[in-house]
């Protein structure tokens, strides 16, 4: 099972590698309430075990403060490494360097760029209270799009996301090779 924010990429890797896996998706907006991720993962793992001999968790830590790791340990299922999906695409060291160079960096993945209206504008109430934008994002200095599969449509979406936040956009093409490597390790463990 995988987080909806990375599920498309997980499927693409599985198809490319001809892995006999099914990808079951949890809603990506759970990231706006990370305290709900572990319970949702646990419920889905329990549900999937009725039909699958092996289940793996396609989530990084994602702000659960260790609760997701405790659930995975208790259920005996592996999960993807890293603090969040940004690590899975850019790599932990590269991400640390980006944030050290500019701590006020707002990160976008392909999914977040394409879904900024739903995941940020609506969820934070900026559609109803645009004056909150500066309260939420006033300390940010740039948006960095960690582009997995840059297309003109996604570039336009990333540009729009940066404009919504009132910040300049930088693009770093990261692809999905690190995610593929992490998935390969995950499937070996499971």
N, C-alpha and C. Protein backbone atom coordinates (compact mmCIF):
# COMPACT_ATOMS: atom_id res chain seq x y z
N UNK A 1 0.84 -1.16 0.00
CA UNK A 1 0.00 0.00 0.00
C UNK A 1 0.90 1.23 0.00
N UNK A 2 0.38 2.33 -0.54
CA UNK A 2 1.23 3.51 -0.70
C UNK A 2 0.43 4.79 -0.46
N UNK A 3 1.16 5.80 -0.09
CA UNK A 3 0.60 7.14 0.01
C UNK A 3 0.18 7.60 -1.38
N UNK A 4 -0.96 8.23 -1.46
CA UNK A 4 -1.45 8.71 -2.75
C UNK A 4 -0.55 9.72 -3.42
N UNK A 5 0.29 10.40 -2.64
CA UNK A 5 1.19 11.40 -3.24
C UNK A 5 2.34 10.76 -4.02
N UNK A 6 2.63 9.48 -3.76
CA UNK A 6 3.70 8.81 -4.50
C UNK A 6 3.22 7.57 -5.25
N UNK A 7 1.96 7.24 -5.11
CA UNK A 7 1.43 5.98 -5.67
C UNK A 7 1.67 5.86 -7.17
N UNK A 8 1.47 6.95 -7.91
CA UNK A 8 1.68 6.88 -9.36
C UNK A 8 3.11 6.49 -9.67
N UNK A 9 4.05 7.06 -8.96
CA UNK A 9 5.46 6.74 -9.19
C UNK A 9 5.77 5.31 -8.77
N UNK A 10 5.16 4.85 -7.69
CA UNK A 10 5.36 3.46 -7.26
C UNK A 10 4.84 2.52 -8.34
N UNK A 11 3.67 2.81 -8.89
CA UNK A 11 3.12 1.97 -9.97
C UNK A 11 4.04 1.97 -11.18
N UNK A 12 4.53 3.15 -11.55
CA UNK A 12 5.42 3.24 -12.72
C UNK A 12 6.68 2.40 -12.53
N UNK A 13 7.25 2.45 -11.33
CA UNK A 13 8.44 1.64 -11.05
C UNK A 13 8.08 0.17 -11.12
N UNK A 14 6.96 -0.21 -10.53
CA UNK A 14 6.54 -1.62 -10.53
C UNK A 14 6.35 -2.14 -11.96
N UNK A 15 5.74 -1.34 -12.81
CA UNK A 15 5.54 -1.74 -14.20
C UNK A 15 6.88 -1.84 -14.91
N UNK A 16 7.71 -0.84 -14.73
CA UNK A 16 9.03 -0.83 -15.39
C UNK A 16 9.86 -2.05 -14.98
N UNK A 17 9.77 -2.44 -13.72
CA UNK A 17 10.55 -3.57 -13.22
C UNK A 17 9.82 -4.90 -13.35
N UNK A 18 8.59 -4.87 -13.86
CA UNK A 18 7.76 -6.06 -14.02
C UNK A 18 7.57 -6.79 -12.68
N UNK A 19 7.35 -6.04 -11.63
CA UNK A 19 7.10 -6.62 -10.31
C UNK A 19 5.63 -7.03 -10.23
N UNK A 20 5.36 -8.20 -9.71
CA UNK A 20 3.98 -8.64 -9.56
C UNK A 20 3.37 -8.08 -8.27
N UNK A 21 3.13 -6.78 -8.26
CA UNK A 21 2.58 -6.13 -7.07
C UNK A 21 1.32 -5.34 -7.44
N UNK A 22 0.46 -5.21 -6.46
CA UNK A 22 -0.68 -4.33 -6.57
C UNK A 22 -0.41 -3.15 -5.64
N UNK A 23 -0.77 -1.97 -6.08
CA UNK A 23 -0.56 -0.78 -5.26
C UNK A 23 -1.93 -0.31 -4.78
N UNK A 24 -2.11 -0.34 -3.48
CA UNK A 24 -3.34 0.15 -2.85
C UNK A 24 -3.02 1.50 -2.22
N UNK A 25 -3.90 2.46 -2.43
CA UNK A 25 -3.59 3.85 -2.14
C UNK A 25 -4.38 4.38 -0.95
N UNK A 26 -3.68 5.12 -0.10
CA UNK A 26 -4.34 5.90 0.94
C UNK A 26 -4.36 7.36 0.50
N UNK A 27 -5.31 8.14 0.97
CA UNK A 27 -5.45 9.52 0.51
C UNK A 27 -4.21 10.37 0.83
N UNK A 28 -3.72 11.09 -0.17
CA UNK A 28 -2.54 11.92 0.06
C UNK A 28 -2.78 13.06 1.04
N UNK A 29 -4.03 13.48 1.20
CA UNK A 29 -4.30 14.58 2.12
C UNK A 29 -4.13 14.18 3.59
N UNK A 30 -3.87 12.90 3.85
CA UNK A 30 -3.52 12.51 5.22
C UNK A 30 -2.28 13.28 5.71
N UNK A 31 -1.45 13.73 4.77
CA UNK A 31 -0.26 14.48 5.18
C UNK A 31 -0.61 15.78 5.90
N UNK A 32 -1.80 16.28 5.67
CA UNK A 32 -2.21 17.48 6.38
C UNK A 32 -2.63 17.17 7.81
N UNK A 33 -2.76 15.91 8.13
CA UNK A 33 -3.09 15.43 9.47
C UNK A 33 -2.21 14.21 9.77
N UNK A 34 -0.90 14.40 9.92
CA UNK A 34 0.00 13.24 10.08
C UNK A 34 -0.33 12.36 11.27
N UNK A 35 -1.03 12.90 12.26
CA UNK A 35 -1.41 12.08 13.41
C UNK A 35 -2.42 10.99 13.02
N UNK A 36 -2.99 11.07 11.82
CA UNK A 36 -3.94 10.07 11.36
C UNK A 36 -3.31 9.01 10.43
N UNK A 37 -2.08 9.22 10.03
CA UNK A 37 -1.45 8.33 9.06
C UNK A 37 -1.28 6.92 9.61
N UNK A 38 -0.72 6.78 10.79
CA UNK A 38 -0.43 5.45 11.34
C UNK A 38 -1.69 4.61 11.48
N UNK A 39 -2.77 5.19 11.97
CA UNK A 39 -4.02 4.44 12.13
C UNK A 39 -4.58 4.02 10.77
N UNK A 40 -4.49 4.91 9.78
CA UNK A 40 -4.97 4.58 8.44
C UNK A 40 -4.13 3.46 7.83
N UNK A 41 -2.81 3.54 8.02
CA UNK A 41 -1.92 2.49 7.51
C UNK A 41 -2.24 1.17 8.19
N UNK A 42 -2.38 1.20 9.50
CA UNK A 42 -2.68 -0.04 10.23
C UNK A 42 -3.98 -0.68 9.73
N UNK A 43 -5.02 0.12 9.58
CA UNK A 43 -6.30 -0.42 9.12
C UNK A 43 -6.16 -1.03 7.72
N UNK A 44 -5.41 -0.36 6.84
CA UNK A 44 -5.27 -0.88 5.47
C UNK A 44 -4.41 -2.14 5.46
N UNK A 45 -3.34 -2.19 6.25
CA UNK A 45 -2.50 -3.39 6.30
C UNK A 45 -3.33 -4.58 6.79
N UNK A 46 -4.09 -4.38 7.85
CA UNK A 46 -4.93 -5.46 8.38
C UNK A 46 -5.92 -5.93 7.31
N UNK A 47 -6.52 -4.97 6.60
CA UNK A 47 -7.47 -5.31 5.53
C UNK A 47 -6.79 -6.08 4.40
N UNK A 48 -5.62 -5.63 3.98
CA UNK A 48 -4.92 -6.26 2.86
C UNK A 48 -4.40 -7.65 3.19
N UNK A 49 -4.08 -7.89 4.44
CA UNK A 49 -3.57 -9.21 4.82
C UNK A 49 -4.58 -10.33 4.57
N UNK A 50 -5.85 -9.98 4.45
CA UNK A 50 -6.85 -11.00 4.14
C UNK A 50 -6.67 -11.54 2.72
N UNK A 51 -6.07 -10.72 1.84
CA UNK A 51 -5.94 -11.10 0.44
C UNK A 51 -4.50 -11.27 -0.04
N UNK A 52 -3.52 -10.82 0.73
CA UNK A 52 -2.12 -10.83 0.29
C UNK A 52 -1.23 -11.48 1.34
N UNK A 53 -0.31 -12.30 0.88
CA UNK A 53 0.65 -12.93 1.78
C UNK A 53 1.68 -11.93 2.28
N UNK A 54 1.99 -10.95 1.44
CA UNK A 54 3.00 -9.97 1.79
C UNK A 54 2.43 -8.56 1.59
N UNK A 55 2.66 -7.72 2.58
CA UNK A 55 2.23 -6.33 2.51
C UNK A 55 3.42 -5.47 2.91
N UNK A 56 3.65 -4.40 2.16
CA UNK A 56 4.70 -3.43 2.48
C UNK A 56 4.07 -2.04 2.48
N UNK A 57 4.69 -1.13 3.21
CA UNK A 57 4.14 0.21 3.41
C UNK A 57 4.93 1.24 2.62
N UNK A 58 4.27 1.85 1.66
CA UNK A 58 4.87 2.87 0.81
C UNK A 58 4.68 4.26 1.39
N UNK A 59 5.24 4.46 2.57
CA UNK A 59 5.24 5.76 3.25
C UNK A 59 6.63 5.96 3.83
N UNK A 60 7.07 7.19 3.86
CA UNK A 60 8.23 7.54 4.68
C UNK A 60 7.67 7.84 6.08
N UNK A 61 8.42 8.47 6.94
CA UNK A 61 7.96 8.76 8.30
C UNK A 61 6.81 9.77 8.30
N UNK A 62 6.88 10.75 7.43
CA UNK A 62 5.77 11.67 7.13
C UNK A 62 5.20 12.42 8.33
N UNK A 63 6.02 12.73 9.30
CA UNK A 63 5.57 13.56 10.41
C UNK A 63 4.78 12.84 11.47
N UNK A 64 4.88 11.51 11.53
CA UNK A 64 4.09 10.76 12.51
C UNK A 64 4.78 10.66 13.87
N UNK A 65 5.94 11.25 14.02
CA UNK A 65 6.68 11.25 15.29
C UNK A 65 6.96 9.84 15.81
N UNK A 66 7.26 8.94 14.89
CA UNK A 66 7.61 7.57 15.27
C UNK A 66 6.44 6.62 15.41
N UNK A 67 5.22 7.12 15.38
CA UNK A 67 4.05 6.25 15.56
C UNK A 67 3.92 5.29 14.38
N UNK A 68 4.19 5.74 13.17
CA UNK A 68 4.12 4.85 12.01
C UNK A 68 5.14 3.72 12.14
N UNK A 69 6.34 4.03 12.59
CA UNK A 69 7.35 2.99 12.78
C UNK A 69 6.89 1.97 13.82
N UNK A 70 6.26 2.44 14.89
CA UNK A 70 5.76 1.52 15.92
C UNK A 70 4.69 0.60 15.35
N UNK A 71 3.79 1.14 14.55
CA UNK A 71 2.74 0.32 13.92
C UNK A 71 3.37 -0.70 12.99
N UNK A 72 4.30 -0.26 12.15
CA UNK A 72 4.95 -1.19 11.22
C UNK A 72 5.70 -2.29 11.96
N UNK A 73 6.38 -1.93 13.03
CA UNK A 73 7.10 -2.94 13.82
C UNK A 73 6.13 -3.94 14.44
N UNK A 74 5.06 -3.44 15.01
CA UNK A 74 4.08 -4.31 15.65
C UNK A 74 3.42 -5.26 14.64
N UNK A 75 3.17 -4.75 13.43
CA UNK A 75 2.53 -5.57 12.40
C UNK A 75 3.54 -6.40 11.59
N UNK A 76 4.84 -6.12 11.78
CA UNK A 76 5.86 -6.85 11.05
C UNK A 76 5.90 -6.54 9.57
N UNK A 77 5.66 -5.28 9.22
CA UNK A 77 5.70 -4.87 7.81
C UNK A 77 6.78 -3.80 7.64
N UNK A 78 7.49 -3.86 6.52
CA UNK A 78 8.49 -2.83 6.26
C UNK A 78 7.85 -1.58 5.68
N UNK A 79 8.53 -0.46 5.84
CA UNK A 79 8.09 0.78 5.20
C UNK A 79 9.27 1.40 4.48
N UNK A 80 8.98 2.33 3.59
CA UNK A 80 10.04 3.04 2.88
C UNK A 80 10.88 3.83 3.87
N UNK A 81 12.15 4.08 3.57
CA UNK A 81 12.99 4.85 4.47
C UNK A 81 12.75 6.35 4.33
N UNK A 82 13.33 7.09 5.22
CA UNK A 82 13.32 8.54 5.10
C UNK A 82 12.29 9.23 5.97
N UNK A 83 12.50 10.53 6.10
CA UNK A 83 11.60 11.34 6.90
C UNK A 83 10.33 11.68 6.13
N UNK A 84 10.43 11.79 4.82
CA UNK A 84 9.29 12.17 3.97
C UNK A 84 9.62 11.84 2.53
N UNK A 85 8.64 12.03 1.66
CA UNK A 85 8.82 11.64 0.26
C UNK A 85 9.90 12.49 -0.43
N UNK A 86 10.17 13.66 0.09
CA UNK A 86 11.24 14.47 -0.52
C UNK A 86 12.57 13.73 -0.45
N UNK A 87 12.81 13.01 0.66
CA UNK A 87 14.02 12.19 0.78
C UNK A 87 14.03 11.10 -0.29
N UNK A 88 12.86 10.53 -0.56
CA UNK A 88 12.77 9.43 -1.52
C UNK A 88 13.04 9.88 -2.94
N UNK A 89 12.83 11.15 -3.23
CA UNK A 89 13.06 11.65 -4.58
C UNK A 89 14.41 12.36 -4.71
N UNK A 90 14.77 13.19 -3.75
CA UNK A 90 16.00 13.98 -3.86
C UNK A 90 17.17 13.37 -3.12
N UNK A 91 16.90 12.51 -2.17
CA UNK A 91 17.95 11.96 -1.33
C UNK A 91 18.12 12.82 -0.09
N UNK A 92 18.37 12.17 1.02
CA UNK A 92 18.45 12.87 2.30
C UNK A 92 19.56 13.92 2.32
N UNK A 93 20.74 13.57 1.83
CA UNK A 93 21.85 14.52 1.86
C UNK A 93 21.58 15.73 0.98
N UNK A 94 21.10 15.49 -0.22
CA UNK A 94 20.82 16.60 -1.13
C UNK A 94 19.75 17.53 -0.54
N UNK A 95 18.76 16.93 0.08
CA UNK A 95 17.70 17.71 0.69
C UNK A 95 18.24 18.54 1.86
N UNK A 96 19.08 17.95 2.67
CA UNK A 96 19.70 18.70 3.78
C UNK A 96 20.50 19.88 3.25
N UNK A 97 21.22 19.67 2.15
CA UNK A 97 22.00 20.76 1.56
C UNK A 97 21.09 21.88 1.04
N UNK A 98 19.99 21.51 0.40
CA UNK A 98 19.02 22.51 -0.09
C UNK A 98 18.47 23.35 1.05
N UNK A 99 18.09 22.68 2.12
CA UNK A 99 17.49 23.39 3.25
C UNK A 99 18.53 24.16 4.05
N UNK A 100 19.75 23.68 4.09
CA UNK A 100 20.82 24.43 4.76
C UNK A 100 21.14 25.70 3.98
N UNK A 101 21.13 25.61 2.66
CA UNK A 101 21.41 26.78 1.82
C UNK A 101 20.30 27.82 1.96
N UNK A 102 19.06 27.38 2.12
CA UNK A 102 17.93 28.30 2.32
C UNK A 102 16.87 27.60 3.17
N UNK A 103 16.92 27.83 4.49
CA UNK A 103 15.93 27.18 5.36
C UNK A 103 14.48 27.53 5.00
N UNK A 104 14.27 28.66 4.38
CA UNK A 104 12.93 29.07 3.98
C UNK A 104 12.54 28.51 2.62
N UNK A 105 12.70 27.20 2.45
CA UNK A 105 12.40 26.54 1.18
C UNK A 105 11.12 25.73 1.32
N UNK A 106 10.17 26.01 0.45
CA UNK A 106 8.95 25.21 0.36
C UNK A 106 9.15 24.22 -0.77
N UNK A 107 8.97 22.94 -0.49
CA UNK A 107 9.25 21.89 -1.47
C UNK A 107 7.97 21.43 -2.15
N UNK A 108 8.10 21.17 -3.44
CA UNK A 108 7.02 20.59 -4.23
C UNK A 108 7.50 19.29 -4.85
N UNK A 109 6.63 18.30 -4.89
CA UNK A 109 6.81 17.12 -5.72
C UNK A 109 5.89 17.31 -6.92
N UNK A 110 5.92 16.41 -7.86
CA UNK A 110 4.99 16.47 -8.98
C UNK A 110 3.55 16.48 -8.48
N UNK A 111 3.25 15.58 -7.52
CA UNK A 111 1.89 15.50 -7.01
C UNK A 111 1.46 16.82 -6.37
N UNK A 112 2.31 17.38 -5.53
CA UNK A 112 1.94 18.61 -4.84
C UNK A 112 1.82 19.78 -5.82
N UNK A 113 2.69 19.84 -6.81
CA UNK A 113 2.57 20.89 -7.82
C UNK A 113 1.22 20.80 -8.52
N UNK A 114 0.83 19.60 -8.89
CA UNK A 114 -0.42 19.41 -9.62
C UNK A 114 -1.66 19.57 -8.74
N UNK A 115 -1.49 19.48 -7.44
CA UNK A 115 -2.63 19.49 -6.52
C UNK A 115 -2.57 20.59 -5.48
N UNK A 116 -1.83 21.66 -5.76
CA UNK A 116 -1.67 22.72 -4.76
C UNK A 116 -3.00 23.36 -4.39
N UNK A 117 -3.92 23.47 -5.32
CA UNK A 117 -5.21 24.07 -4.99
C UNK A 117 -5.93 23.24 -3.92
N UNK A 118 -5.95 21.94 -4.13
CA UNK A 118 -6.65 21.06 -3.18
C UNK A 118 -5.88 20.90 -1.88
N UNK A 119 -4.57 20.64 -1.98
CA UNK A 119 -3.78 20.28 -0.81
C UNK A 119 -3.34 21.47 0.04
N UNK A 120 -3.22 22.64 -0.58
CA UNK A 120 -2.75 23.81 0.15
C UNK A 120 -3.82 24.89 0.22
N UNK A 121 -4.27 25.36 -0.92
CA UNK A 121 -5.20 26.49 -0.94
C UNK A 121 -6.49 26.16 -0.19
N UNK A 122 -7.14 25.07 -0.58
CA UNK A 122 -8.41 24.72 0.07
C UNK A 122 -8.19 24.24 1.50
N UNK A 123 -7.22 23.35 1.70
CA UNK A 123 -6.98 22.78 3.02
C UNK A 123 -6.60 23.83 4.06
N UNK A 124 -5.85 24.85 3.64
CA UNK A 124 -5.45 25.90 4.57
C UNK A 124 -6.43 27.07 4.60
N UNK A 125 -7.46 26.99 3.78
CA UNK A 125 -8.47 28.04 3.78
C UNK A 125 -8.08 29.29 3.03
N UNK A 126 -7.05 29.20 2.20
CA UNK A 126 -6.59 30.39 1.47
C UNK A 126 -7.60 30.82 0.40
N UNK A 127 -8.45 29.89 -0.03
CA UNK A 127 -9.50 30.26 -0.98
C UNK A 127 -10.55 31.15 -0.32
N UNK A 128 -10.75 30.97 0.97
CA UNK A 128 -11.72 31.78 1.71
C UNK A 128 -11.08 32.97 2.41
N UNK A 129 -9.81 32.82 2.75
CA UNK A 129 -9.09 33.87 3.50
C UNK A 129 -7.70 34.06 2.91
N UNK A 130 -7.62 34.67 1.74
CA UNK A 130 -6.31 34.83 1.08
C UNK A 130 -5.33 35.66 1.91
N UNK A 131 -5.82 36.43 2.82
CA UNK A 131 -4.94 37.23 3.68
C UNK A 131 -4.07 36.36 4.59
N UNK A 132 -4.42 35.09 4.74
CA UNK A 132 -3.62 34.18 5.57
C UNK A 132 -2.35 33.72 4.88
N UNK A 133 -2.24 33.93 3.59
CA UNK A 133 -1.07 33.46 2.86
C UNK A 133 0.23 33.92 3.51
N UNK A 134 0.34 35.17 3.81
CA UNK A 134 1.58 35.67 4.39
C UNK A 134 1.82 35.15 5.81
N UNK A 135 0.74 34.89 6.54
CA UNK A 135 0.90 34.31 7.88
C UNK A 135 1.48 32.90 7.78
N UNK A 136 1.00 32.15 6.79
CA UNK A 136 1.49 30.78 6.61
C UNK A 136 2.85 30.72 5.94
N UNK A 137 3.07 31.57 4.94
CA UNK A 137 4.24 31.42 4.07
C UNK A 137 5.18 32.62 4.09
N UNK A 138 4.98 33.55 5.00
CA UNK A 138 5.78 34.76 5.03
C UNK A 138 7.26 34.55 5.30
N UNK A 139 7.61 33.44 5.92
CA UNK A 139 9.03 33.18 6.23
C UNK A 139 9.72 32.32 5.17
N UNK A 140 8.95 31.89 4.20
CA UNK A 140 9.55 31.14 3.09
C UNK A 140 10.17 32.13 2.11
N UNK A 141 11.22 31.69 1.43
CA UNK A 141 11.93 32.55 0.48
C UNK A 141 11.91 32.02 -0.95
N UNK A 142 11.61 30.71 -1.08
CA UNK A 142 11.60 30.12 -2.43
C UNK A 142 10.79 28.84 -2.41
N UNK A 143 10.36 28.45 -3.60
CA UNK A 143 9.74 27.15 -3.83
C UNK A 143 10.72 26.35 -4.68
N UNK A 144 11.00 25.13 -4.26
CA UNK A 144 11.84 24.23 -5.05
C UNK A 144 10.99 23.04 -5.47
N UNK A 145 10.84 22.91 -6.78
CA UNK A 145 10.10 21.78 -7.34
C UNK A 145 11.10 20.66 -7.59
N UNK A 146 10.94 19.56 -6.85
CA UNK A 146 11.74 18.36 -7.05
C UNK A 146 11.02 17.54 -8.12
N UNK A 147 11.33 17.82 -9.36
CA UNK A 147 10.59 17.28 -10.50
C UNK A 147 10.96 15.83 -10.75
N UNK A 148 9.96 14.96 -10.64
CA UNK A 148 10.19 13.56 -10.95
C UNK A 148 10.08 13.32 -12.45
N UNK A 149 9.02 13.80 -13.05
CA UNK A 149 8.80 13.65 -14.49
C UNK A 149 8.31 14.99 -15.04
N UNK A 150 9.24 15.94 -15.23
CA UNK A 150 8.81 17.27 -15.66
C UNK A 150 8.17 17.24 -17.04
N UNK A 151 7.02 17.83 -17.10
CA UNK A 151 6.29 18.00 -18.36
C UNK A 151 5.88 19.46 -18.43
N UNK A 152 5.51 19.95 -19.59
CA UNK A 152 5.03 21.33 -19.65
C UNK A 152 3.83 21.57 -18.72
N UNK A 153 2.94 20.59 -18.62
CA UNK A 153 1.77 20.74 -17.74
C UNK A 153 2.20 20.85 -16.27
N UNK A 154 3.14 20.00 -15.86
CA UNK A 154 3.60 20.06 -14.47
C UNK A 154 4.43 21.31 -14.22
N UNK A 155 5.21 21.75 -15.20
CA UNK A 155 5.96 23.01 -15.03
C UNK A 155 4.98 24.15 -14.80
N UNK A 156 3.93 24.22 -15.59
CA UNK A 156 2.92 25.27 -15.41
C UNK A 156 2.28 25.18 -14.03
N UNK A 157 2.02 23.95 -13.58
CA UNK A 157 1.44 23.76 -12.25
C UNK A 157 2.40 24.22 -11.16
N UNK A 158 3.69 23.91 -11.30
CA UNK A 158 4.69 24.35 -10.31
C UNK A 158 4.81 25.87 -10.31
N UNK A 159 4.79 26.47 -11.49
CA UNK A 159 4.84 27.92 -11.58
C UNK A 159 3.61 28.54 -10.91
N UNK A 160 2.47 27.94 -11.12
CA UNK A 160 1.26 28.45 -10.49
C UNK A 160 1.34 28.29 -8.97
N UNK A 161 1.83 27.17 -8.50
CA UNK A 161 1.98 26.94 -7.06
C UNK A 161 2.88 28.01 -6.44
N UNK A 162 4.00 28.29 -7.09
CA UNK A 162 4.90 29.32 -6.58
C UNK A 162 4.22 30.69 -6.57
N UNK A 163 3.45 30.96 -7.61
CA UNK A 163 2.74 32.24 -7.68
C UNK A 163 1.69 32.34 -6.57
N UNK A 164 1.00 31.25 -6.30
CA UNK A 164 0.01 31.24 -5.22
C UNK A 164 0.68 31.58 -3.89
N UNK A 165 1.89 31.08 -3.70
CA UNK A 165 2.61 31.34 -2.46
C UNK A 165 3.37 32.66 -2.50
N UNK A 166 3.43 33.27 -3.68
CA UNK A 166 4.14 34.55 -3.81
C UNK A 166 5.64 34.40 -3.72
N UNK A 167 6.17 33.31 -4.23
CA UNK A 167 7.59 33.00 -4.10
C UNK A 167 8.19 32.64 -5.45
N UNK A 168 9.52 32.85 -5.59
CA UNK A 168 10.18 32.42 -6.83
C UNK A 168 10.31 30.90 -6.86
N UNK A 169 10.32 30.36 -8.08
CA UNK A 169 10.40 28.92 -8.28
C UNK A 169 11.77 28.52 -8.79
N UNK A 170 12.31 27.48 -8.19
CA UNK A 170 13.51 26.81 -8.70
C UNK A 170 13.11 25.37 -8.99
N UNK A 171 13.70 24.80 -10.03
CA UNK A 171 13.39 23.43 -10.41
C UNK A 171 14.65 22.59 -10.35
N UNK A 172 14.53 21.44 -9.73
CA UNK A 172 15.60 20.45 -9.72
C UNK A 172 15.00 19.14 -10.21
N UNK A 173 15.49 18.66 -11.33
CA UNK A 173 15.00 17.40 -11.86
C UNK A 173 15.66 16.26 -11.09
N UNK A 174 14.84 15.50 -10.38
CA UNK A 174 15.36 14.42 -9.54
C UNK A 174 15.00 13.03 -10.07
N UNK A 175 13.96 12.94 -10.90
CA UNK A 175 13.53 11.64 -11.39
C UNK A 175 12.98 10.77 -10.28
N UNK A 176 12.96 9.47 -10.51
CA UNK A 176 12.45 8.55 -9.49
C UNK A 176 13.43 7.41 -9.20
N UNK A 177 14.68 7.59 -9.57
CA UNK A 177 15.68 6.52 -9.37
C UNK A 177 15.88 6.18 -7.90
N UNK A 178 15.88 7.19 -7.03
CA UNK A 178 16.06 6.91 -5.60
C UNK A 178 14.83 6.21 -5.02
N UNK A 179 13.66 6.58 -5.49
CA UNK A 179 12.45 5.87 -5.06
C UNK A 179 12.53 4.42 -5.54
N UNK A 180 12.96 4.21 -6.77
CA UNK A 180 13.07 2.85 -7.29
C UNK A 180 14.04 2.02 -6.45
N UNK A 181 15.15 2.62 -6.09
CA UNK A 181 16.12 1.93 -5.23
C UNK A 181 15.50 1.58 -3.88
N UNK A 182 14.78 2.53 -3.29
CA UNK A 182 14.14 2.28 -1.99
C UNK A 182 13.07 1.20 -2.10
N UNK A 183 12.32 1.21 -3.17
CA UNK A 183 11.30 0.18 -3.37
C UNK A 183 11.94 -1.20 -3.56
N UNK A 184 13.05 -1.24 -4.26
CA UNK A 184 13.76 -2.51 -4.46
C UNK A 184 14.19 -3.07 -3.10
N UNK A 185 14.74 -2.23 -2.25
CA UNK A 185 15.14 -2.67 -0.90
C UNK A 185 13.92 -3.10 -0.08
N UNK A 186 12.84 -2.34 -0.18
CA UNK A 186 11.63 -2.66 0.56
C UNK A 186 11.08 -4.03 0.18
N UNK A 187 11.06 -4.31 -1.13
CA UNK A 187 10.51 -5.60 -1.56
C UNK A 187 11.44 -6.76 -1.21
N UNK A 188 12.71 -6.51 -1.09
CA UNK A 188 13.64 -7.57 -0.66
C UNK A 188 13.37 -7.91 0.79
N UNK A 189 13.05 -6.90 1.59
CA UNK A 189 12.83 -7.10 3.02
C UNK A 189 11.53 -7.83 3.27
N UNK A 190 10.52 -7.56 2.45
CA UNK A 190 9.19 -8.11 2.73
C UNK A 190 9.05 -9.56 2.32
